């Protein structure tokens, strides 16, 4: 799994289209091996991003949970603490 693709389900507020497209772009980059496609592959690359984003939106819209939505700010703080421990960052 690409580390740059973030979990988008069950957050308050819900994932935006920009977040879904960004995750889709990262996914297509990982699959294709291209950070930036050549002109010859640009149309196929961009079409793949659109299709993955559509599938991701469909998935997010169809998932259900009984859990309370996660707060983005709390999750950011938890990630900051995990990274500080992981990389021995002293504050």
C-alpha atoms as a PDB file:
ATOM      1  CA  UNK A   1       0.000   0.000   0.000  1.00  0.00           C
ATOM      2  CA  UNK A   2       1.286   3.422  -0.866  1.00  0.00           C
ATOM      3  CA  UNK A   3       1.966   5.361   2.339  1.00  0.00           C
ATOM      4  CA  UNK A   4       0.711   8.604   0.798  1.00  0.00           C
ATOM      5  CA  UNK A   5      -2.813   7.261   0.298  1.00  0.00           C
ATOM      6  CA  UNK A   6      -4.825   8.183   3.380  1.00  0.00           C
ATOM      7  CA  UNK A   7      -7.926   6.543   4.797  1.00  0.00           C
ATOM      8  CA  UNK A   8     -10.941   8.550   3.649  1.00  0.00           C
ATOM      9  CA  UNK A   9     -13.867   6.644   5.177  1.00  0.00           C
ATOM     10  CA  UNK A  10     -15.780   7.637   8.321  1.00  0.00           C
ATOM     11  CA  UNK A  11     -14.401  11.104   8.940  1.00  0.00           C
ATOM     12  CA  UNK A  12     -16.241  14.197  10.046  1.00  0.00           C
ATOM     13  CA  UNK A  13     -16.380  16.151   7.770  1.00  0.00           C
ATOM     14  CA  UNK A  14     -16.509  13.527   4.994  1.00  0.00           C
ATOM     15  CA  UNK A  15     -13.779  13.231   2.372  1.00  0.00           C
ATOM     16  CA  UNK A  16     -13.828  15.940  -0.275  1.00  0.00           C
ATOM     17  CA  UNK A  17     -13.592  15.362  -4.007  1.00  0.00           C
ATOM     18  CA  UNK A  18     -10.083  16.864  -3.922  1.00  0.00           C
ATOM     19  CA  UNK A  19      -8.975  14.277  -1.342  1.00  0.00           C
ATOM     20  CA  UNK A  20     -10.465  11.446  -3.386  1.00  0.00           C
ATOM     21  CA  UNK A  21      -8.774  12.660  -6.584  1.00  0.00           C
ATOM     22  CA  UNK A  22      -5.439  13.074  -4.746  1.00  0.00           C
ATOM     23  CA  UNK A  23      -5.644   9.499  -3.427  1.00  0.00           C
ATOM     24  CA  UNK A  24      -6.617   8.274  -6.898  1.00  0.00           C
ATOM     25  CA  UNK A  25      -3.675  10.088  -8.458  1.00  0.00           C
ATOM     26  CA  UNK A  26      -1.289   8.477  -5.948  1.00  0.00           C
ATOM     27  CA  UNK A  27      -2.798   5.052  -6.680  1.00  0.00           C
ATOM     28  CA  UNK A  28      -2.433   5.461 -10.457  1.00  0.00           C
ATOM     29  CA  UNK A  29       1.122   6.745 -10.025  1.00  0.00           C
ATOM     30  CA  UNK A  30       1.962   3.668  -7.965  1.00  0.00           C
ATOM     31  CA  UNK A  31       0.403   1.269 -10.472  1.00  0.00           C
ATOM     32  CA  UNK A  32       1.920   2.889 -13.541  1.00  0.00           C
ATOM     33  CA  UNK A  33       5.320   3.710 -12.098  1.00  0.00           C
ATOM     34  CA  UNK A  34       4.998   7.233 -13.518  1.00  0.00           C
ATOM     35  CA  UNK A  35       5.169  10.334 -11.376  1.00  0.00           C
ATOM     36  CA  UNK A  36       4.364  12.338 -14.504  1.00  0.00           C
ATOM     37  CA  UNK A  37       3.402  10.414 -17.656  1.00  0.00           C
ATOM     38  CA  UNK A  38       4.844  11.146 -21.080  1.00  0.00           C
ATOM     39  CA  UNK A  39       2.679  12.973 -23.613  1.00  0.00           C
ATOM     40  CA  UNK A  40       1.982   9.610 -25.293  1.00  0.00           C
ATOM     41  CA  UNK A  41       0.581   8.175 -22.037  1.00  0.00           C
ATOM     42  CA  UNK A  42      -0.989  11.312 -20.588  1.00  0.00           C
ATOM     43  CA  UNK A  43      -4.567  10.660 -21.799  1.00  0.00           C
ATOM     44  CA  UNK A  44      -4.604   7.069 -20.523  1.00  0.00           C
ATOM     45  CA  UNK A  45      -3.072   8.170 -17.203  1.00  0.00           C
ATOM     46  CA  UNK A  46      -5.616  10.957 -16.694  1.00  0.00           C
ATOM     47  CA  UNK A  47      -8.509   8.679 -17.667  1.00  0.00           C
ATOM     48  CA  UNK A  48      -7.318   6.129 -15.113  1.00  0.00           C
ATOM     49  CA  UNK A  49      -7.289   8.814 -12.387  1.00  0.00           C
ATOM     50  CA  UNK A  50     -10.885   9.779 -13.271  1.00  0.00           C
ATOM     51  CA  UNK A  51     -12.047   6.156 -13.241  1.00  0.00           C
ATOM     52  CA  UNK A  52     -10.306   5.331  -9.947  1.00  0.00           C
ATOM     53  CA  UNK A  53     -11.753   8.482  -8.354  1.00  0.00           C
ATOM     54  CA  UNK A  54     -15.232   7.481  -9.520  1.00  0.00           C
ATOM     55  CA  UNK A  55     -14.821   3.977  -8.098  1.00  0.00           C
ATOM     56  CA  UNK A  56     -13.475   5.407  -4.833  1.00  0.00           C
ATOM     57  CA  UNK A  57     -16.424   7.818  -4.499  1.00  0.00           C
ATOM     58  CA  UNK A  58     -18.844   4.960  -5.195  1.00  0.00           C
ATOM     59  CA  UNK A  59     -17.137   2.817  -2.558  1.00  0.00           C
ATOM     60  CA  UNK A  60     -17.143   5.560   0.078  1.00  0.00           C
ATOM     61  CA  UNK A  61     -20.810   6.314  -0.602  1.00  0.00           C
ATOM     62  CA  UNK A  62     -21.819   2.664  -0.217  1.00  0.00           C
ATOM     63  CA  UNK A  63     -19.865   1.796   2.947  1.00  0.00           C
ATOM     64  CA  UNK A  64     -21.740   1.750   6.269  1.00  0.00           C
ATOM     65  CA  UNK A  65     -20.545   1.726   9.862  1.00  0.00           C
ATOM     66  CA  UNK A  66     -21.946   1.969  13.363  1.00  0.00           C
ATOM     67  CA  UNK A  67     -18.785   3.641  14.645  1.00  0.00           C
ATOM     68  CA  UNK A  68     -18.686   7.327  15.428  1.00  0.00           C
ATOM     69  CA  UNK A  69     -16.998   9.421  12.719  1.00  0.00           C
ATOM     70  CA  UNK A  70     -13.337  10.148  13.414  1.00  0.00           C
ATOM     71  CA  UNK A  71     -12.243  13.724  13.956  1.00  0.00           C
ATOM     72  CA  UNK A  72      -9.600  14.859  11.476  1.00  0.00           C
ATOM     73  CA  UNK A  73      -7.761  17.040  13.996  1.00  0.00           C
ATOM     74  CA  UNK A  74      -7.505  14.223  16.551  1.00  0.00           C
ATOM     75  CA  UNK A  75      -6.223  11.833  13.861  1.00  0.00           C
ATOM     76  CA  UNK A  76      -3.623  14.401  12.735  1.00  0.00           C
ATOM     77  CA  UNK A  77      -2.391  14.743  16.323  1.00  0.00           C
ATOM     78  CA  UNK A  78      -2.190  10.960  16.737  1.00  0.00           C
ATOM     79  CA  UNK A  79      -0.188  10.717  13.498  1.00  0.00           C
ATOM     80  CA  UNK A  80       2.144  13.491  14.668  1.00  0.00           C
ATOM     81  CA  UNK A  81       2.784  11.624  17.938  1.00  0.00           C
ATOM     82  CA  UNK A  82       3.367   8.320  16.097  1.00  0.00           C
ATOM     83  CA  UNK A  83       5.845   9.989  13.752  1.00  0.00           C
ATOM     84  CA  UNK A  84       7.654  11.694  16.625  1.00  0.00           C
ATOM     85  CA  UNK A  85       8.098   8.301  18.330  1.00  0.00           C
ATOM     86  CA  UNK A  86       9.062   6.594  15.076  1.00  0.00           C
ATOM     87  CA  UNK A  87      11.712   9.134  14.117  1.00  0.00           C
ATOM     88  CA  UNK A  88      12.836   9.988  17.692  1.00  0.00           C
ATOM     89  CA  UNK A  89      11.826  13.618  17.359  1.00  0.00           C
ATOM     90  CA  UNK A  90      12.231  15.485  20.638  1.00  0.00           C
ATOM     91  CA  UNK A  91       9.912  18.391  21.220  1.00  0.00           C
END
